[in-house]
Amino acid sequence: EQLLRHMLDAGRTLQKDDREDTGKREAESAVNPQVFTPQGGQATGRSADRFRPPAWDELRGLSADERRAILEYFRRINAQRP
């Protein structure tokens, strides 16, 4: 086990040395980056929901108490300010 562990460590060391010999890394700026803009409701300000509450179809299989708790949860997290 010790011999195998030493061989694996030596292999990792060699790989590290190979990576360092490839030269200096340089960063490049993005050319024409694509900007993501969300589609759909673009509400802003106090009326905007940060997290979309689940639709009725998603809550249909739950009990009334579970639905109430989930909707209350989303109401609270959307009321918090970032």
C-alpha atoms as a PDB file:
ATOM      1  CA  GLU A   1       0.000   0.000   0.000  1.00  0.00           C
ATOM      2  CA  GLN A   2       2.807   2.406   0.871  1.00  0.00           C
ATOM      3  CA  LEU A   3       4.591   1.714  -2.423  1.00  0.00           C
ATOM      4  CA  LEU A   4       1.387   2.336  -4.383  1.00  0.00           C
ATOM      5  CA  ARG A   5       0.734   5.546  -2.450  1.00  0.00           C
ATOM      6  CA  HIS A   6       4.284   6.777  -3.139  1.00  0.00           C
ATOM      7  CA  MET A   7       3.951   5.962  -6.830  1.00  0.00           C
ATOM      8  CA  LEU A   8       0.656   7.862  -7.056  1.00  0.00           C
ATOM      9  CA  ASP A   9       2.186  10.859  -5.255  1.00  0.00           C
ATOM     10  CA  ALA A  10       5.166  10.794  -7.603  1.00  0.00           C
ATOM     11  CA  GLY A  11       2.826  10.682 -10.608  1.00  0.00           C
ATOM     12  CA  ARG A  12       0.901  13.695  -9.311  1.00  0.00           C
ATOM     13  CA  THR A  13       4.153  15.574  -8.781  1.00  0.00           C
ATOM     14  CA  LEU A  14       5.228  14.852 -12.358  1.00  0.00           C
ATOM     15  CA  GLN A  15       1.876  16.014 -13.695  1.00  0.00           C
ATOM     16  CA  LYS A  16       2.199  19.216 -11.664  1.00  0.00           C
ATOM     17  CA  ASP A  17       5.671  19.821 -13.089  1.00  0.00           C
ATOM     18  CA  ASP A  18       4.362  19.263 -16.639  1.00  0.00           C
ATOM     19  CA  ARG A  19       1.613  21.817 -16.148  1.00  0.00           C
ATOM     20  CA  GLU A  20       4.042  24.423 -14.842  1.00  0.00           C
ATOM     21  CA  ASP A  21       6.315  23.994 -17.868  1.00  0.00           C
ATOM     22  CA  THR A  22       3.611  24.972 -20.349  1.00  0.00           C
ATOM     23  CA  GLY A  23       4.357  28.649 -19.895  1.00  0.00           C
ATOM     24  CA  LYS A  24       2.707  31.627 -18.333  1.00  0.00           C
ATOM     25  CA  ARG A  25      -1.071  31.771 -18.473  1.00  0.00           C
ATOM     26  CA  GLU A  26      -2.669  34.917 -19.759  1.00  0.00           C
ATOM     27  CA  ALA A  27      -6.249  36.108 -19.495  1.00  0.00           C
ATOM     28  CA  GLU A  28      -8.166  37.323 -22.521  1.00  0.00           C
ATOM     29  CA  SER A  29     -11.159  39.621 -22.609  1.00  0.00           C
ATOM     30  CA  ALA A  30     -14.395  38.292 -23.994  1.00  0.00           C
ATOM     31  CA  VAL A  31     -15.223  39.402 -27.512  1.00  0.00           C
ATOM     32  CA  ASN A  32     -18.905  40.182 -28.112  1.00  0.00           C
ATOM     33  CA  PRO A  33     -20.150  38.541 -24.909  1.00  0.00           C
ATOM     34  CA  GLN A  34     -23.753  37.409 -24.972  1.00  0.00           C
ATOM     35  CA  VAL A  35     -25.828  39.150 -22.333  1.00  0.00           C
ATOM     36  CA  PHE A  36     -28.655  37.191 -20.768  1.00  0.00           C
ATOM     37  CA  THR A  37     -31.886  39.095 -20.217  1.00  0.00           C
ATOM     38  CA  PRO A  38     -34.785  37.200 -18.666  1.00  0.00           C
ATOM     39  CA  GLN A  39     -37.977  37.052 -20.686  1.00  0.00           C
ATOM     40  CA  GLY A  40     -41.503  37.375 -19.400  1.00  0.00           C
ATOM     41  CA  GLY A  41     -42.806  39.697 -16.725  1.00  0.00           C
ATOM     42  CA  GLN A  42     -40.357  42.505 -16.178  1.00  0.00           C
ATOM     43  CA  ALA A  43     -41.982  43.907 -13.028  1.00  0.00           C
ATOM     44  CA  THR A  44     -39.663  45.999 -10.924  1.00  0.00           C
ATOM     45  CA  GLY A  45     -39.869  47.643  -7.549  1.00  0.00           C
ATOM     46  CA  ARG A  46     -42.001  46.448  -4.687  1.00  0.00           C
ATOM     47  CA  SER A  47     -44.406  44.481  -6.885  1.00  0.00           C
ATOM     48  CA  ALA A  48     -41.671  42.227  -8.309  1.00  0.00           C
ATOM     49  CA  ASP A  49     -41.414  38.691  -6.891  1.00  0.00           C
ATOM     50  CA  ARG A  50     -37.895  37.431  -6.465  1.00  0.00           C
ATOM     51  CA  PHE A  51     -39.123  33.839  -6.359  1.00  0.00           C
ATOM     52  CA  ARG A  52     -42.148  32.638  -8.295  1.00  0.00           C
ATOM     53  CA  PRO A  53     -44.715  30.947  -6.076  1.00  0.00           C
ATOM     54  CA  PRO A  54     -45.815  27.507  -7.310  1.00  0.00           C
ATOM     55  CA  ALA A  55     -48.863  27.310  -9.565  1.00  0.00           C
ATOM     56  CA  TRP A  56     -52.051  25.514  -8.597  1.00  0.00           C
ATOM     57  CA  ASP A  57     -51.092  22.484 -10.695  1.00  0.00           C
ATOM     58  CA  GLU A  58     -47.902  22.122  -8.655  1.00  0.00           C
ATOM     59  CA  LEU A  59     -49.789  22.358  -5.339  1.00  0.00           C
ATOM     60  CA  ARG A  60     -52.790  20.239  -6.315  1.00  0.00           C
ATOM     61  CA  GLY A  61     -51.610  17.032  -4.635  1.00  0.00           C
ATOM     62  CA  LEU A  62     -51.007  18.701  -1.251  1.00  0.00           C
ATOM     63  CA  SER A  63     -53.356  19.218   1.656  1.00  0.00           C
ATOM     64  CA  ALA A  64     -54.878  22.636   2.331  1.00  0.00           C
ATOM     65  CA  ASP A  65     -52.514  23.221   5.277  1.00  0.00           C
ATOM     66  CA  GLU A  66     -49.461  22.308   3.201  1.00  0.00           C
ATOM     67  CA  ARG A  67     -50.554  24.639   0.377  1.00  0.00           C
ATOM     68  CA  ARG A  68     -51.154  27.448   2.863  1.00  0.00           C
ATOM     69  CA  ALA A  69     -47.711  26.944   4.443  1.00  0.00           C
ATOM     70  CA  ILE A  70     -45.946  26.946   1.057  1.00  0.00           C
ATOM     71  CA  LEU A  71     -47.746  30.082  -0.146  1.00  0.00           C
ATOM     72  CA  GLU A  72     -46.965  31.818   3.149  1.00  0.00           C
ATOM     73  CA  TYR A  73     -43.310  30.847   2.754  1.00  0.00           C
ATOM     74  CA  PHE A  74     -43.133  32.408  -0.716  1.00  0.00           C
ATOM     75  CA  ARG A  75     -44.966  35.512   0.485  1.00  0.00           C
ATOM     76  CA  ARG A  76     -42.366  35.975   3.228  1.00  0.00           C
ATOM     77  CA  ILE A  77     -39.256  35.407   1.108  1.00  0.00           C
ATOM     78  CA  ASN A  78     -40.565  37.744  -1.587  1.00  0.00           C
ATOM     79  CA  ALA A  79     -41.297  40.407   1.044  1.00  0.00           C
ATOM     80  CA  GLN A  80     -37.688  40.377   2.294  1.00  0.00           C
ATOM     81  CA  ARG A  81     -35.371  42.942   0.823  1.00  0.00           C
ATOM     82  CA  PRO A  82     -32.114  41.726  -0.776  1.00  0.00           C
END
